[in-house]
Protein backbone atom coordinates (compact mmCIF):
# COMPACT_ATOMS: atom_id res chain seq x y z
CA MET A 1 20.04 -25.80 -22.56
CA LYS A 2 16.73 -25.82 -20.64
CA LYS A 3 14.16 -28.21 -21.92
CA SER A 4 10.99 -26.46 -23.09
CA LEU A 5 7.58 -27.56 -21.79
CA SER A 6 5.23 -29.46 -23.99
CA LYS A 7 1.82 -27.96 -24.65
CA SER A 8 0.11 -30.41 -22.27
CA GLN A 9 2.67 -29.73 -19.54
CA PHE A 10 2.24 -26.00 -19.98
CA ILE A 11 -1.56 -26.29 -19.72
CA ARG A 12 -1.27 -28.50 -16.62
CA LEU A 13 1.15 -26.07 -14.95
CA THR A 14 -1.09 -23.13 -15.79
CA ASN A 15 -4.10 -24.89 -14.26
CA ILE A 16 -2.16 -25.65 -11.08
CA MET A 17 -1.13 -22.00 -10.76
CA GLN A 18 -4.68 -20.79 -11.37
CA ASN A 19 -6.11 -23.22 -8.80
CA ASP A 20 -3.52 -22.10 -6.28
CA MET A 21 -4.43 -18.43 -6.88
CA ILE A 22 -8.15 -19.24 -6.52
CA LYS A 23 -7.53 -21.00 -3.20
CA LYS A 24 -5.46 -18.10 -1.89
CA HIS A 25 -8.10 -15.61 -3.03
CA SER A 26 -10.82 -17.68 -1.36
CA LYS A 27 -8.91 -17.68 1.93
CA VAL A 28 -8.52 -13.89 1.75
CA LEU A 29 -12.26 -13.48 1.16
CA LYS A 30 -13.11 -15.76 4.08
CA ARG A 31 -10.72 -13.82 6.32
CA ARG A 32 -12.24 -10.51 5.24
CA LYS A 33 -15.74 -11.85 5.81
CA SER A 34 -14.75 -12.99 9.29
CA MET A 35 -13.22 -9.58 10.04
CA ALA A 36 -16.42 -7.87 8.88
CA LYS A 37 -18.59 -9.94 11.23
CA ASN A 38 -21.04 -7.86 13.24
CA TYR A 39 -20.36 -8.95 16.81
CA PHE A 40 -23.27 -6.84 18.04
CA ASP A 41 -25.96 -8.19 15.72
CA LEU A 42 -29.28 -8.65 17.55
CA THR A 43 -31.42 -9.54 14.54
CA GLY A 44 -34.53 -11.45 15.57
CA GLN A 45 -33.96 -11.11 19.31
CA VAL A 46 -36.56 -9.63 21.66
CA ALA A 47 -35.79 -7.05 24.34
CA ILE A 48 -37.93 -5.65 27.14
CA VAL A 49 -36.95 -2.12 28.12
CA THR A 50 -38.63 -0.68 31.21
CA GLY A 51 -39.09 3.05 31.59
CA ALA A 52 -39.14 3.27 27.80
CA SER A 53 -41.57 6.17 27.54
CA THR A 54 -38.95 8.95 27.69
CA GLY A 55 -35.27 9.69 28.13
CA LEU A 56 -32.56 7.05 28.38
CA GLY A 57 -35.03 4.19 28.08
CA VAL A 58 -36.15 5.36 24.65
CA GLN A 59 -32.56 5.93 23.56
CA MET A 60 -31.46 2.43 24.55
CA ALA A 61 -34.57 0.82 23.01
CA LYS A 62 -33.76 2.53 19.71
CA ALA A 63 -30.11 1.54 19.98
CA LEU A 64 -31.07 -2.15 20.26
CA ALA A 65 -33.59 -1.78 17.45
CA ASN A 66 -30.83 -0.36 15.27
CA GLN A 67 -29.05 -3.70 15.73
CA GLY A 68 -32.14 -5.60 14.54
CA CYS A 69 -33.77 -6.31 17.91
CA ASN A 70 -37.54 -6.37 18.39
CA ILE A 71 -38.65 -4.14 21.26
CA VAL A 72 -41.17 -4.37 24.09
CA ALA A 73 -41.45 -0.92 25.66
CA LEU A 74 -42.78 -0.98 29.23
CA ALA A 75 -43.96 2.08 31.15
CA ARG A 76 -47.04 3.40 32.93
CA ARG A 77 -48.15 5.89 30.26
CA GLN A 78 -49.66 3.89 27.41
CA ASN A 79 -49.90 6.81 25.00
CA LEU A 80 -46.16 7.51 25.23
CA ILE A 81 -44.99 3.91 24.79
CA ASP A 82 -47.37 3.49 21.85
CA GLU A 83 -45.71 6.51 20.22
CA VAL A 84 -42.24 5.11 20.96
CA ALA A 85 -43.16 1.70 19.52
CA ALA A 86 -44.54 3.31 16.36
CA GLU A 87 -41.38 5.40 15.92
CA ILE A 88 -39.16 2.34 16.34
CA GLU A 89 -41.08 0.28 13.80
CA LYS A 90 -41.04 3.10 11.25
CA GLU A 91 -37.41 4.04 11.75
CA TYR A 92 -35.75 0.64 12.16
CA GLY A 93 -38.07 -1.86 10.49
CA VAL A 94 -38.32 -4.15 13.51
CA LYS A 95 -41.42 -5.13 15.45
CA ALA A 96 -42.15 -3.05 18.55
CA VAL A 97 -45.02 -3.00 21.04
CA GLY A 98 -45.87 -0.88 24.05
CA ILE A 99 -47.22 -2.64 27.12
CA ARG A 100 -48.42 -0.72 30.15
CA CYS A 101 -46.67 -1.79 33.34
CA ASP A 102 -46.25 -0.49 36.88
CA ILE A 103 -43.06 -2.20 38.05
CA THR A 104 -44.00 -1.69 41.71
CA ASP A 105 -47.06 -3.91 41.24
CA THR A 106 -46.32 -7.63 41.00
CA GLU A 107 -49.53 -8.46 39.14
CA SER A 108 -48.83 -5.72 36.60
CA VAL A 109 -45.30 -7.03 36.04
CA GLU A 110 -46.48 -10.63 35.59
CA ALA A 111 -49.20 -9.55 33.16
CA ALA A 112 -46.74 -7.47 31.12
CA VAL A 113 -44.24 -10.32 30.83
CA ASP A 114 -47.03 -12.72 29.85
CA ALA A 115 -48.19 -10.27 27.17
CA ALA A 116 -44.65 -9.95 25.79
CA LEU A 117 -44.28 -13.73 25.60
CA LYS A 118 -47.67 -14.05 23.92
CA GLU A 119 -46.61 -11.48 21.32
CA PHE A 120 -43.10 -12.79 20.58
CA GLY A 121 -42.76 -16.21 22.20
CA ARG A 122 -39.43 -15.33 23.82
CA ILE A 123 -37.53 -12.64 25.71
CA ASN A 124 -33.78 -12.59 25.12
CA ILE A 125 -32.83 -9.26 26.68
CA LEU A 126 -34.08 -7.19 29.60
CA ILE A 127 -33.00 -3.62 30.31
CA ASN A 128 -34.25 -2.60 33.75
CA ASN A 129 -34.24 1.15 33.27
CA ALA A 130 -37.36 2.44 35.07
CA GLY A 131 -36.56 4.59 38.06
CA THR A 132 -37.15 7.78 39.99
CA GLY A 133 -35.09 10.20 42.06
CA GLY A 134 -35.99 11.28 45.59
CA VAL A 135 -34.35 14.47 46.86
CA HIS A 136 -34.70 15.29 50.57
CA PRO A 137 -32.29 15.98 53.45
CA ALA A 138 -31.64 12.64 55.14
CA GLU A 139 -32.41 13.90 58.66
CA ASP A 140 -35.88 15.05 57.58
CA MET A 141 -36.66 12.42 54.96
CA PRO A 142 -40.14 10.94 55.36
CA ASP A 143 -40.44 7.16 55.38
CA GLU A 144 -42.70 7.42 52.35
CA THR A 145 -39.97 9.07 50.26
CA PHE A 146 -37.42 6.40 51.12
CA GLU A 147 -39.91 3.56 50.61
CA ASN A 148 -41.05 4.92 47.24
CA GLU A 149 -37.46 5.09 46.03
CA MET A 150 -36.79 1.52 47.12
CA ASN A 151 -40.05 0.21 45.67
CA ILE A 152 -39.33 1.63 42.22
CA ASP A 153 -35.55 1.56 41.79
CA LEU A 154 -34.66 -1.58 43.72
CA PHE A 155 -37.71 -3.76 44.34
CA GLY A 156 -39.21 -2.94 40.93
CA THR A 157 -35.95 -3.90 39.23
CA PHE A 158 -36.00 -7.22 41.07
CA LYS A 159 -39.65 -7.94 40.27
CA VAL A 160 -39.15 -7.55 36.52
CA ALA A 161 -35.90 -9.53 36.53
CA ARG A 162 -37.51 -12.33 38.56
CA SER A 163 -40.49 -12.65 36.23
CA VAL A 164 -38.50 -12.49 32.98
CA ALA A 165 -35.90 -14.96 34.24
CA LYS A 166 -38.46 -17.47 35.50
CA LYS A 167 -40.85 -17.35 32.54
CA ALA A 168 -38.51 -16.78 29.61
CA MET A 169 -34.77 -16.93 30.22
CA ILE A 170 -34.33 -19.93 32.52
CA PRO A 171 -36.49 -22.18 30.27
CA ALA A 172 -34.50 -20.97 27.24
CA LYS A 173 -31.17 -21.31 29.09
CA TYR A 174 -30.20 -17.91 27.70
CA GLY A 175 -30.64 -14.30 28.67
CA ARG A 176 -29.03 -10.91 29.02
CA ILE A 177 -30.20 -8.71 31.92
CA ILE A 178 -28.89 -5.16 32.13
CA ASN A 179 -29.79 -3.20 35.26
CA ILE A 180 -29.47 0.56 35.01
CA ALA A 181 -28.07 1.75 38.33
CA SER A 182 -26.23 5.07 38.74
CA MET A 183 -22.81 6.41 39.58
CA TYR A 184 -24.53 7.49 42.80
CA GLY A 185 -24.82 3.79 43.56
CA LEU A 186 -21.01 3.72 43.80
CA VAL A 187 -20.26 6.93 45.70
CA GLY A 188 -21.83 9.59 47.89
CA ASN A 189 -22.21 13.24 46.93
CA LYS A 190 -22.21 16.66 48.60
CA ILE A 191 -24.30 18.60 46.12
CA ALA A 192 -27.74 17.01 46.48
CA PRO A 193 -29.44 15.32 49.48
CA THR A 194 -30.35 12.02 47.82
CA ALA A 195 -29.57 9.33 50.39
CA CYS A 196 -32.56 7.22 49.35
CA TYR A 197 -31.42 7.26 45.71
CA HIS A 198 -27.87 6.29 46.66
CA ALA A 199 -29.19 3.43 48.78
CA ALA A 200 -31.51 2.12 46.07
CA LYS A 201 -28.96 2.32 43.26
CA GLY A 202 -26.24 0.82 45.44
CA GLY A 203 -28.68 -2.00 46.05
CA VAL A 204 -29.16 -2.43 42.29
CA VAL A 205 -25.39 -2.77 41.81
CA ASN A 206 -25.11 -5.54 44.38
CA LEU A 207 -28.40 -7.15 43.35
CA THR A 208 -26.80 -7.45 39.92
CA ARG A 209 -23.85 -9.34 41.38
CA ALA A 210 -26.13 -11.65 43.36
CA LEU A 211 -28.34 -12.50 40.38
CA ALA A 212 -25.28 -13.02 38.18
CA ALA A 213 -23.89 -15.51 40.66
CA GLU A 214 -27.21 -17.33 41.03
CA TRP A 215 -28.36 -17.38 37.41
CA GLY A 216 -25.03 -17.65 35.58
CA GLU A 217 -25.18 -21.44 35.39
CA LYS A 218 -28.69 -21.12 33.96
CA GLY A 219 -27.34 -19.28 30.91
CA ILE A 220 -28.24 -15.76 32.07
CA ASN A 221 -25.67 -12.95 32.14
CA VAL A 222 -26.58 -10.13 34.53
CA ASN A 223 -24.66 -6.85 34.46
CA SER A 224 -25.29 -3.23 35.38
CA ILE A 225 -24.56 0.19 33.95
CA CYS A 226 -23.99 3.22 36.15
CA PRO A 227 -24.75 6.36 34.15
CA GLY A 228 -23.40 9.72 35.16
CA TYR A 229 -25.18 12.99 34.48
CA PHE A 230 -27.36 12.68 31.39
CA TYR A 231 -30.23 14.90 30.31
CA THR A 232 -33.63 13.31 31.00
CA PRO A 233 -37.03 14.82 31.83
CA LEU A 234 -36.16 14.21 35.51
CA THR A 235 -32.74 15.92 35.40
CA GLU A 236 -33.06 18.66 32.78
CA GLU A 237 -33.94 21.54 35.11
CA THR A 238 -31.16 20.68 37.57
CA LEU A 239 -28.49 20.12 34.94
CA ASN A 240 -29.30 23.40 33.21
CA SER A 241 -28.69 25.44 36.36
CA GLU A 242 -25.50 27.51 36.38
CA PHE A 243 -24.52 26.16 39.78
CA PHE A 244 -24.72 22.54 38.65
CA GLN A 245 -22.91 23.20 35.38
CA ASN A 246 -20.01 24.74 37.29
CA TYR A 247 -20.02 21.75 39.63
CA ALA A 248 -19.89 19.34 36.68
CA LYS A 249 -16.88 21.12 35.17
CA THR A 250 -15.06 20.71 38.46
CA MET A 251 -16.06 17.14 39.34
CA ILE A 252 -16.20 15.39 35.95
CA PRO A 253 -12.79 14.81 34.31
CA LEU A 254 -14.37 15.23 30.85
CA ALA A 255 -15.88 18.49 32.16
CA ARG A 256 -19.32 17.91 30.62
CA TYR A 257 -22.54 15.93 30.86
CA GLY A 258 -23.20 12.81 28.83
CA ASN A 259 -24.64 13.36 25.37
CA GLU A 260 -27.58 11.54 23.83
CA GLY A 261 -26.41 8.16 22.58
CA GLU A 262 -23.31 7.89 24.76
CA LEU A 263 -24.95 5.23 26.93
CA ASP A 264 -26.01 3.16 23.93
CA SER A 265 -22.71 1.40 23.24
CA ALA A 266 -22.53 -0.10 26.73
CA ALA A 267 -26.12 -1.34 26.46
CA ILE A 268 -25.54 -2.85 23.01
CA PHE A 269 -22.36 -4.60 24.15
CA LEU A 270 -23.96 -6.14 27.24
CA ALA A 271 -27.05 -7.19 25.27
CA SER A 272 -25.05 -8.86 22.51
CA PRO A 273 -23.40 -12.28 22.14
CA ALA A 274 -20.06 -10.43 22.26
CA SER A 275 -20.45 -10.11 26.06
CA SER A 276 -20.91 -13.86 26.57
CA TYR A 277 -18.19 -14.07 29.25
CA VAL A 278 -19.08 -10.80 31.00
CA ASN A 279 -21.18 -11.49 34.09
CA GLY A 280 -21.80 -9.69 37.37
CA GLN A 281 -19.96 -6.58 36.24
CA ASN A 282 -20.72 -2.89 36.46
CA ILE A 283 -19.82 -0.34 33.80
CA ALA A 284 -19.71 3.30 34.88
CA VAL A 285 -20.51 5.63 31.99
CA ASP A 286 -19.91 8.87 33.85
CA GLY A 287 -17.18 10.87 32.14
CA GLY A 288 -14.76 9.78 34.86
CA TYR A 289 -16.76 11.06 37.86
CA THR A 290 -16.13 7.91 39.91
CA CYS A 291 -12.43 7.63 39.09
CA MET A 292 -11.55 10.39 41.55
């Protein structure tokens, strides 16, 4: 016959079983908590977004704010960036400021970066989004058109990156720089005479690689995004034309333009700690345009 347990033995065995269950339950909770970790949390960080008065710049600024990031909106039109900053603060509960800046002017860039540092004390993220789009047949393109494109899209991108890196990111040994190039920086096209735009955005793609190689050991990750066709104030009229819509259906594997918000995920990823080993890369968000 089996020997029955004494009362003290029964109590001791029960306690052991309960403790074992508690430990197992605790491990499950820790595992669930780890699985629920927000790898894209930007709470308390500070991001400068250039060209943040309209379009994709505003969308990406709001996307970062939705992850808890404080925002410095840079653009030339103070009234618009003030409105954007107010919207961000009201909608996302983070701190946001608008600082006027002409990225083609070195003094303006330096002053804007100084103002951002005075306001927040740090700059963790830079999205170089400001740009323009020159359209003119190459054989008749005036020097001024080509130079303007380069000054804004390429040289302006470099000026802001240089200032932010030197004053904020290199001293902190940390930074995320995201340069907004274009799928036209990867390929040519037969529908619009935009050689100056292709040249400038192609320059941004390779500038990104060069800065990534130079600044990587200083704790700064530099990557670029190449958007496809998205609606912005600069592109709306062209994209709404019947001719261009038919072209898009033929040339884009997804057979449509990008929707509002479809660029945000790439920006959030590259701005976040989750992209810590991603450096010098380019992400095309173009519906597959450049895969053919």
